[in-house]
Amino acid sequence: MTFFPTPDEFYADPKFAGLPGDAIALWIRAGSWSAHQGTDGAIKADMIPLLLQQCDPQSPAHLVQRGIWKRTRGGFQFAVWPKLASRAYVEAKREAARDRQDKFRRSKPKSVTRDERVSHGVSNAVTNASQSSPVPLPKGREGLTTSVPAGARERAAAIARCSLCDERGYAGTQLCDHDPTAPERAARGRALVQAVLSRPPTEPEVTPDA
């Protein structure tokens, strides 16, 4: 952002003493516009109505009469243009700021961004998986091998050895525990429970009255 500075002596400057309000407003708005556009105080005549609508048409002439503006071909020029709003000063200031930012960036240690961390993590996971030992797949795929983590390798091997479950490790709708004696033990347990439930209720012992 470029500033059009107003000197602290502005309120007492004899050039502006008694100047109509429209002329002062035009001077301020034209200065702000010129600083923003980098024209170093050059104002085209067709900009006057845009800078101050319903402006007194004599406002530019008042500024020229006081020596605040000068007439130019096609417009006006500030008689004194502040250095802080000059295009050369603003560009030099911006260039110096860019140099400081570049030096600051070069002085900082290189940090790893989140995307780089994610990329490195995926690469490491793929590398570790590719280095793991190949093991047989579940039933129906015994001729194929793949590289899987240790826990998955043990589960796949148990499924491949088991004759009770399918290739997903399920016996019917239940997750198989790969124990061949499990069905027999479960049947015995059910029989014992059924036997207990089928017994007739015992009569409560009656204690004779004393």
C-alpha atoms as a PDB file:
ATOM      1  CA  MET A   1       0.000   0.000   0.000  1.00  0.00           C
ATOM      2  CA  THR A   2       1.263   3.460  -0.964  1.00  0.00           C
ATOM      3  CA  PHE A   3       0.425   6.510   1.168  1.00  0.00           C
ATOM      4  CA  PHE A   4      -0.143  10.083   0.066  1.00  0.00           C
ATOM      5  CA  PRO A   5       1.167  11.943   3.123  1.00  0.00           C
ATOM      6  CA  THR A   6      -0.347  15.202   4.311  1.00  0.00           C
ATOM      7  CA  PRO A   7       2.232  17.386   6.138  1.00  0.00           C
ATOM      8  CA  ASP A   8       1.457  18.417   9.686  1.00  0.00           C
ATOM      9  CA  GLU A   9       1.779  22.092   8.615  1.00  0.00           C
ATOM     10  CA  PHE A  10      -1.081  21.604   6.140  1.00  0.00           C
ATOM     11  CA  TYR A  11      -3.633  23.281   8.414  1.00  0.00           C
ATOM     12  CA  ALA A  12      -1.507  26.476   8.508  1.00  0.00           C
ATOM     13  CA  ASP A  13      -0.112  26.442   4.951  1.00  0.00           C
ATOM     14  CA  PRO A  14      -0.967  29.866   3.405  1.00  0.00           C
ATOM     15  CA  LYS A  15      -1.423  28.221   0.011  1.00  0.00           C
ATOM     16  CA  PHE A  16      -4.486  26.384   1.333  1.00  0.00           C
ATOM     17  CA  ALA A  17      -5.796  29.228   3.512  1.00  0.00           C
ATOM     18  CA  GLY A  18      -9.288  30.241   2.366  1.00  0.00           C
ATOM     19  CA  LEU A  19      -9.286  27.656  -0.412  1.00  0.00           C
ATOM     20  CA  PRO A  20     -12.791  26.336  -1.219  1.00  0.00           C
ATOM     21  CA  GLY A  21     -13.646  22.949   0.265  1.00  0.00           C
ATOM     22  CA  ASP A  22     -14.123  21.349  -3.159  1.00  0.00           C
ATOM     23  CA  ALA A  23     -10.598  22.338  -4.147  1.00  0.00           C
ATOM     24  CA  ILE A  24      -9.088  20.871  -0.958  1.00  0.00           C
ATOM     25  CA  ALA A  25     -11.113  17.654  -1.374  1.00  0.00           C
ATOM     26  CA  LEU A  26      -9.995  17.372  -4.990  1.00  0.00           C
ATOM     27  CA  TRP A  27      -6.352  17.843  -3.989  1.00  0.00           C
ATOM     28  CA  ILE A  28      -6.555  15.053  -1.405  1.00  0.00           C
ATOM     29  CA  ARG A  29      -8.431  12.564  -3.609  1.00  0.00           C
ATOM     30  CA  ALA A  30      -6.230  13.289  -6.616  1.00  0.00           C
ATOM     31  CA  GLY A  31      -3.123  12.751  -4.473  1.00  0.00           C
ATOM     32  CA  SER A  32      -4.460   9.425  -3.209  1.00  0.00           C
ATOM     33  CA  TRP A  33      -5.306   8.277  -6.736  1.00  0.00           C
ATOM     34  CA  SER A  34      -1.923   9.297  -8.135  1.00  0.00           C
ATOM     35  CA  ALA A  35      -0.062   7.496  -5.322  1.00  0.00           C
ATOM     36  CA  HIS A  36      -2.069   4.334  -5.965  1.00  0.00           C
ATOM     37  CA  GLN A  37      -1.545   4.498  -9.729  1.00  0.00           C
ATOM     38  CA  GLY A  38       2.109   5.516  -9.517  1.00  0.00           C
ATOM     39  CA  THR A  39       1.762   8.617 -11.735  1.00  0.00           C
ATOM     40  CA  ASP A  40       3.962  10.832  -9.498  1.00  0.00           C
ATOM     41  CA  GLY A  41       1.350  13.567  -9.247  1.00  0.00           C
ATOM     42  CA  ALA A  42       0.200  13.616 -12.882  1.00  0.00           C
ATOM     43  CA  ILE A  43      -3.592  13.952 -13.180  1.00  0.00           C
ATOM     44  CA  LYS A  44      -5.459  13.747 -16.483  1.00  0.00           C
ATOM     45  CA  ALA A  45      -8.213  16.305 -16.967  1.00  0.00           C
ATOM     46  CA  ASP A  46     -10.856  13.618 -17.624  1.00  0.00           C
ATOM     47  CA  MET A  47     -10.138  12.124 -14.187  1.00  0.00           C
ATOM     48  CA  ILE A  48     -11.378  15.215 -12.326  1.00  0.00           C
ATOM     49  CA  PRO A  49     -15.132  14.376 -12.506  1.00  0.00           C
ATOM     50  CA  LEU A  50     -14.390  10.784 -11.462  1.00  0.00           C
ATOM     51  CA  LEU A  51     -12.272  11.803  -8.491  1.00  0.00           C
ATOM     52  CA  LEU A  52     -14.805  14.254  -7.119  1.00  0.00           C
ATOM     53  CA  GLN A  53     -18.340  14.024  -8.418  1.00  0.00           C
ATOM     54  CA  GLN A  54     -20.355  17.251  -8.516  1.00  0.00           C
ATOM     55  CA  CYS A  55     -17.088  19.106  -8.040  1.00  0.00           C
ATOM     56  CA  ASP A  56     -16.953  22.837  -8.595  1.00  0.00           C
ATOM     57  CA  PRO A  57     -15.543  23.154 -12.133  1.00  0.00           C
ATOM     58  CA  GLN A  58     -13.284  25.945 -10.876  1.00  0.00           C
ATOM     59  CA  SER A  59     -11.540  23.714  -8.306  1.00  0.00           C
ATOM     60  CA  PRO A  60      -8.602  22.798 -10.591  1.00  0.00           C
ATOM     61  CA  ALA A  61      -8.182  26.482 -11.470  1.00  0.00           C
ATOM     62  CA  HIS A  62      -8.077  27.406  -7.764  1.00  0.00           C
ATOM     63  CA  LEU A  63      -5.278  24.888  -7.209  1.00  0.00           C
ATOM     64  CA  VAL A  64      -3.344  26.251 -10.179  1.00  0.00           C
ATOM     65  CA  GLN A  65      -3.762  29.860  -9.004  1.00  0.00           C
ATOM     66  CA  ARG A  66      -2.331  28.975  -5.585  1.00  0.00           C
ATOM     67  CA  GLY A  67       0.661  27.228  -7.168  1.00  0.00           C
ATOM     68  CA  ILE A  68      -0.411  23.850  -5.793  1.00  0.00           C
ATOM     69  CA  TRP A  69      -0.981  22.388  -9.280  1.00  0.00           C
ATOM     70  CA  LYS A  70       0.509  23.149 -12.648  1.00  0.00           C
ATOM     71  CA  ARG A  71      -1.240  22.873 -15.955  1.00  0.00           C
ATOM     72  CA  THR A  72       0.102  20.263 -18.373  1.00  0.00           C
ATOM     73  CA  ARG A  73      -0.909  19.087 -21.809  1.00  0.00           C
ATOM     74  CA  GLY A  74      -4.101  17.132 -21.173  1.00  0.00           C
ATOM     75  CA  GLY A  75      -4.232  17.585 -17.442  1.00  0.00           C
ATOM     76  CA  PHE A  76      -2.500  18.780 -14.289  1.00  0.00           C
ATOM     77  CA  GLN A  77       0.624  18.069 -12.241  1.00  0.00           C
ATOM     78  CA  PHE A  78       1.231  18.428  -8.522  1.00  0.00           C
ATOM     79  CA  ALA A  79       3.784  21.227  -8.080  1.00  0.00           C
ATOM     80  CA  VAL A  80       5.365  19.313  -5.195  1.00  0.00           C
ATOM     81  CA  TRP A  81       5.071  15.536  -5.108  1.00  0.00           C
ATOM     82  CA  PRO A  82       6.141  13.853  -1.824  1.00  0.00           C
ATOM     83  CA  LYS A  83       9.094  11.472  -2.028  1.00  0.00           C
ATOM     84  CA  LEU A  84       7.313   8.832   0.075  1.00  0.00           C
ATOM     85  CA  ALA A  85       4.634   8.550  -2.623  1.00  0.00           C
ATOM     86  CA  SER A  86       7.002   8.596  -5.610  1.00  0.00           C
ATOM     87  CA  ARG A  87       7.020   5.544  -7.857  1.00  0.00           C
ATOM     88  CA  ALA A  88      10.795   5.114  -7.618  1.00  0.00           C
ATOM     89  CA  TYR A  89      10.707   5.159  -3.801  1.00  0.00           C
ATOM     90  CA  VAL A  90       7.801   2.688  -3.605  1.00  0.00           C
ATOM     91  CA  GLU A  91       9.425   0.242  -6.046  1.00  0.00           C
ATOM     92  CA  ALA A  92      12.756   0.433  -4.208  1.00  0.00           C
ATOM     93  CA  LYS A  93      10.968  -0.228  -0.915  1.00  0.00           C
ATOM     94  CA  ARG A  94       9.159  -3.242  -2.364  1.00  0.00           C
ATOM     95  CA  GLU A  95      12.375  -4.623  -3.839  1.00  0.00           C
ATOM     96  CA  ALA A  96      14.116  -4.281  -0.475  1.00  0.00           C
ATOM     97  CA  ALA A  97      11.227  -6.124   1.195  1.00  0.00           C
ATOM     98  CA  ARG A  98      11.488  -8.957  -1.339  1.00  0.00           C
ATOM     99  CA  ASP A  99      15.234  -9.232  -0.703  1.00  0.00           C
ATOM    100  CA  ARG A 100      14.655  -9.474   3.049  1.00  0.00           C
ATOM    101  CA  GLN A 101      12.057 -12.191   2.567  1.00  0.00           C
ATOM    102  CA  ASP A 102      14.369 -14.166   0.274  1.00  0.00           C
ATOM    103  CA  LYS A 103      17.236 -13.941   2.785  1.00  0.00           C
ATOM    104  CA  PHE A 104      14.921 -15.027   5.589  1.00  0.00           C
ATOM    105  CA  ARG A 105      13.705 -18.035   3.607  1.00  0.00           C
ATOM    106  CA  ARG A 106      17.258 -19.078   2.745  1.00  0.00           C
ATOM    107  CA  SER A 107      18.335 -18.768   6.379  1.00  0.00           C
ATOM    108  CA  LYS A 108      15.585 -21.055   7.683  1.00  0.00           C
ATOM    109  CA  PRO A 109      16.276 -24.808   7.865  1.00  0.00           C
ATOM    110  CA  LYS A 110      14.309 -26.767   5.340  1.00  0.00           C
ATOM    111  CA  SER A 111      11.172 -28.179   6.933  1.00  0.00           C
ATOM    112  CA  VAL A 112       9.281 -31.213   5.781  1.00  0.00           C
ATOM    113  CA  THR A 113       5.732 -30.408   4.730  1.00  0.00           C
ATOM    114  CA  ARG A 114       2.719 -32.540   5.579  1.00  0.00           C
ATOM    115  CA  ASP A 115       2.438 -33.797   1.993  1.00  0.00           C
ATOM    116  CA  GLU A 116       6.080 -34.840   2.048  1.00  0.00           C
ATOM    117  CA  ARG A 117       5.566 -36.694   5.362  1.00  0.00           C
ATOM    118  CA  VAL A 118       2.571 -38.542   3.925  1.00  0.00           C
ATOM    119  CA  SER A 119       4.523 -39.389   0.770  1.00  0.00           C
ATOM    120  CA  HIS A 120       7.475 -40.680   2.789  1.00  0.00           C
ATOM    121  CA  GLY A 121       5.187 -42.736   5.012  1.00  0.00           C
ATOM    122  CA  VAL A 122       3.503 -44.404   2.031  1.00  0.00           C
ATOM    123  CA  SER A 123       6.867 -45.115   0.401  1.00  0.00           C
ATOM    124  CA  ASN A 124       8.238 -46.658   3.609  1.00  0.00           C
ATOM    125  CA  ALA A 125       5.126 -48.799   4.053  1.00  0.00           C
ATOM    126  CA  VAL A 126       5.381 -50.100   0.490  1.00  0.00           C
ATOM    127  CA  THR A 127       9.096 -50.804   0.939  1.00  0.00           C
ATOM    128  CA  ASN A 128       8.563 -52.672   4.222  1.00  0.00           C
ATOM    129  CA  ALA A 129       5.715 -54.700   2.765  1.00  0.00           C
ATOM    130  CA  SER A 130       7.794 -55.655  -0.267  1.00  0.00           C
ATOM    131  CA  GLN A 131      10.555 -56.913   2.034  1.00  0.00           C
ATOM    132  CA  SER A 132       8.270 -59.169   4.122  1.00  0.00           C
ATOM    133  CA  SER A 133       8.303 -62.946   3.604  1.00  0.00           C
ATOM    134  CA  PRO A 134       5.806 -64.402   1.096  1.00  0.00           C
ATOM    135  CA  VAL A 135       3.323 -66.914   2.604  1.00  0.00           C
ATOM    136  CA  PRO A 136       0.561 -69.111   1.149  1.00  0.00           C
ATOM    137  CA  LEU A 137      -2.859 -67.583   0.637  1.00  0.00           C
ATOM    138  CA  PRO A 138      -6.062 -69.201   2.035  1.00  0.00           C
ATOM    139  CA  LYS A 139      -7.598 -72.315   0.522  1.00  0.00           C
ATOM    140  CA  GLY A 140      -8.216 -72.219  -3.177  1.00  0.00           C
ATOM    141  CA  ARG A 141      -5.202 -69.939  -3.673  1.00  0.00           C
ATOM    142  CA  GLU A 142      -2.421 -72.117  -2.310  1.00  0.00           C
ATOM    143  CA  GLY A 143      -0.350 -71.679  -5.446  1.00  0.00           C
ATOM    144  CA  LEU A 144      -0.185 -67.907  -5.018  1.00  0.00           C
ATOM    145  CA  THR A 145       1.963 -65.928  -2.625  1.00  0.00           C
ATOM    146  CA  THR A 146       1.863 -62.381  -1.403  1.00  0.00           C
ATOM    147  CA  SER A 147       3.750 -60.159   0.988  1.00  0.00           C
ATOM    148  CA  VAL A 148       1.759 -59.345   4.113  1.00  0.00           C
ATOM    149  CA  PRO A 149       2.518 -58.278   7.706  1.00  0.00           C
ATOM    150  CA  ALA A 150       3.404 -60.930  10.313  1.00  0.00           C
ATOM    151  CA  GLY A 151      -0.043 -61.047  12.004  1.00  0.00           C
ATOM    152  CA  ALA A 152      -1.813 -61.433   8.673  1.00  0.00           C
ATOM    153  CA  ARG A 153       0.676 -64.105   7.596  1.00  0.00           C
ATOM    154  CA  GLU A 154      -0.105 -66.191  10.719  1.00  0.00           C
ATOM    155  CA  ARG A 155      -3.873 -65.858  10.214  1.00  0.00           C
ATOM    156  CA  ALA A 156      -3.595 -66.790   6.518  1.00  0.00           C
ATOM    157  CA  ALA A 157      -1.519 -69.831   7.380  1.00  0.00           C
ATOM    158  CA  ALA A 158      -4.046 -70.953  10.031  1.00  0.00           C
ATOM    159  CA  ILE A 159      -6.908 -70.612   7.543  1.00  0.00           C
ATOM    160  CA  ALA A 160      -4.963 -72.578   4.942  1.00  0.00           C
ATOM    161  CA  ARG A 161      -4.392 -75.455   7.399  1.00  0.00           C
ATOM    162  CA  CYS A 162      -7.944 -75.497   8.782  1.00  0.00           C
ATOM    163  CA  SER A 163     -10.530 -77.908   7.342  1.00  0.00           C
ATOM    164  CA  LEU A 164     -13.473 -76.316   9.115  1.00  0.00           C
ATOM    165  CA  CYS A 165     -13.655 -72.800   7.610  1.00  0.00           C
ATOM    166  CA  ASP A 166     -13.830 -71.157   4.218  1.00  0.00           C
ATOM    167  CA  GLU A 167     -11.178 -68.992   2.612  1.00  0.00           C
ATOM    168  CA  ARG A 168     -12.291 -66.021   4.688  1.00  0.00           C
ATOM    169  CA  GLY A 169     -11.827 -67.850   7.991  1.00  0.00           C
ATOM    170  CA  TYR A 170     -15.535 -68.354   8.722  1.00  0.00           C
ATOM    171  CA  ALA A 171     -17.309 -71.577   9.662  1.00  0.00           C
ATOM    172  CA  GLY A 172     -20.835 -70.791   8.562  1.00  0.00           C
ATOM    173  CA  THR A 173     -21.596 -67.381  10.048  1.00  0.00           C
ATOM    174  CA  GLN A 174     -19.111 -67.680  12.909  1.00  0.00           C
ATOM    175  CA  LEU A 175     -15.448 -66.731  12.905  1.00  0.00           C
ATOM    176  CA  CYS A 176     -13.548 -70.021  13.019  1.00  0.00           C
ATOM    177  CA  ASP A 177     -11.074 -70.719  15.832  1.00  0.00           C
ATOM    178  CA  HIS A 178      -9.391 -73.467  13.722  1.00  0.00           C
ATOM    179  CA  ASP A 179      -9.814 -76.021  16.529  1.00  0.00           C
ATOM    180  CA  PRO A 180     -11.069 -79.419  15.151  1.00  0.00           C
ATOM    181  CA  THR A 181     -12.348 -80.417  18.601  1.00  0.00           C
ATOM    182  CA  ALA A 182     -14.429 -77.281  19.012  1.00  0.00           C
ATOM    183  CA  PRO A 183     -17.679 -78.732  17.492  1.00  0.00           C
ATOM    184  CA  GLU A 184     -17.482 -81.840  19.694  1.00  0.00           C
ATOM    185  CA  ARG A 185     -16.843 -79.784  22.840  1.00  0.00           C
ATOM    186  CA  ALA A 186     -19.692 -77.462  21.954  1.00  0.00           C
ATOM    187  CA  ALA A 187     -22.054 -80.449  21.474  1.00  0.00           C
ATOM    188  CA  ARG A 188     -21.090 -81.915  24.844  1.00  0.00           C
ATOM    189  CA  GLY A 189     -21.659 -78.583  26.527  1.00  0.00           C
ATOM    190  CA  ARG A 190     -25.099 -78.215  24.952  1.00  0.00           C
ATOM    191  CA  ALA A 191     -26.027 -81.774  26.053  1.00  0.00           C
ATOM    192  CA  LEU A 192     -25.013 -81.057  29.638  1.00  0.00           C
ATOM    193  CA  VAL A 193     -27.025 -77.854  29.724  1.00  0.00           C
ATOM    194  CA  GLN A 194     -30.044 -79.602  28.203  1.00  0.00           C
ATOM    195  CA  ALA A 195     -29.794 -82.393  30.777  1.00  0.00           C
ATOM    196  CA  VAL A 196     -29.780 -79.920  33.638  1.00  0.00           C
ATOM    197  CA  LEU A 197     -32.721 -78.003  32.212  1.00  0.00           C
ATOM    198  CA  SER A 198     -34.763 -81.203  31.696  1.00  0.00           C
ATOM    199  CA  ARG A 199     -34.564 -82.354  35.326  1.00  0.00           C
ATOM    200  CA  PRO A 200     -37.856 -82.080  37.306  1.00  0.00           C
ATOM    201  CA  PRO A 201     -37.796 -79.457  40.038  1.00  0.00           C
ATOM    202  CA  THR A 202     -37.080 -80.871  43.479  1.00  0.00           C
ATOM    203  CA  GLU A 203     -39.653 -80.513  46.225  1.00  0.00           C
ATOM    204  CA  PRO A 204     -38.570 -78.153  48.983  1.00  0.00           C
ATOM    205  CA  GLU A 205     -37.732 -79.885  52.240  1.00  0.00           C
ATOM    206  CA  VAL A 206     -40.463 -79.349  54.835  1.00  0.00           C
ATOM    207  CA  THR A 207     -39.366 -78.969  58.412  1.00  0.00           C
ATOM    208  CA  PRO A 208     -41.920 -80.381  60.899  1.00  0.00           C
ATOM    209  CA  ASP A 209     -43.243 -78.026  63.498  1.00  0.00           C
ATOM    210  CA  ALA A 210     -41.683 -78.395  66.872  1.00  0.00           C
END
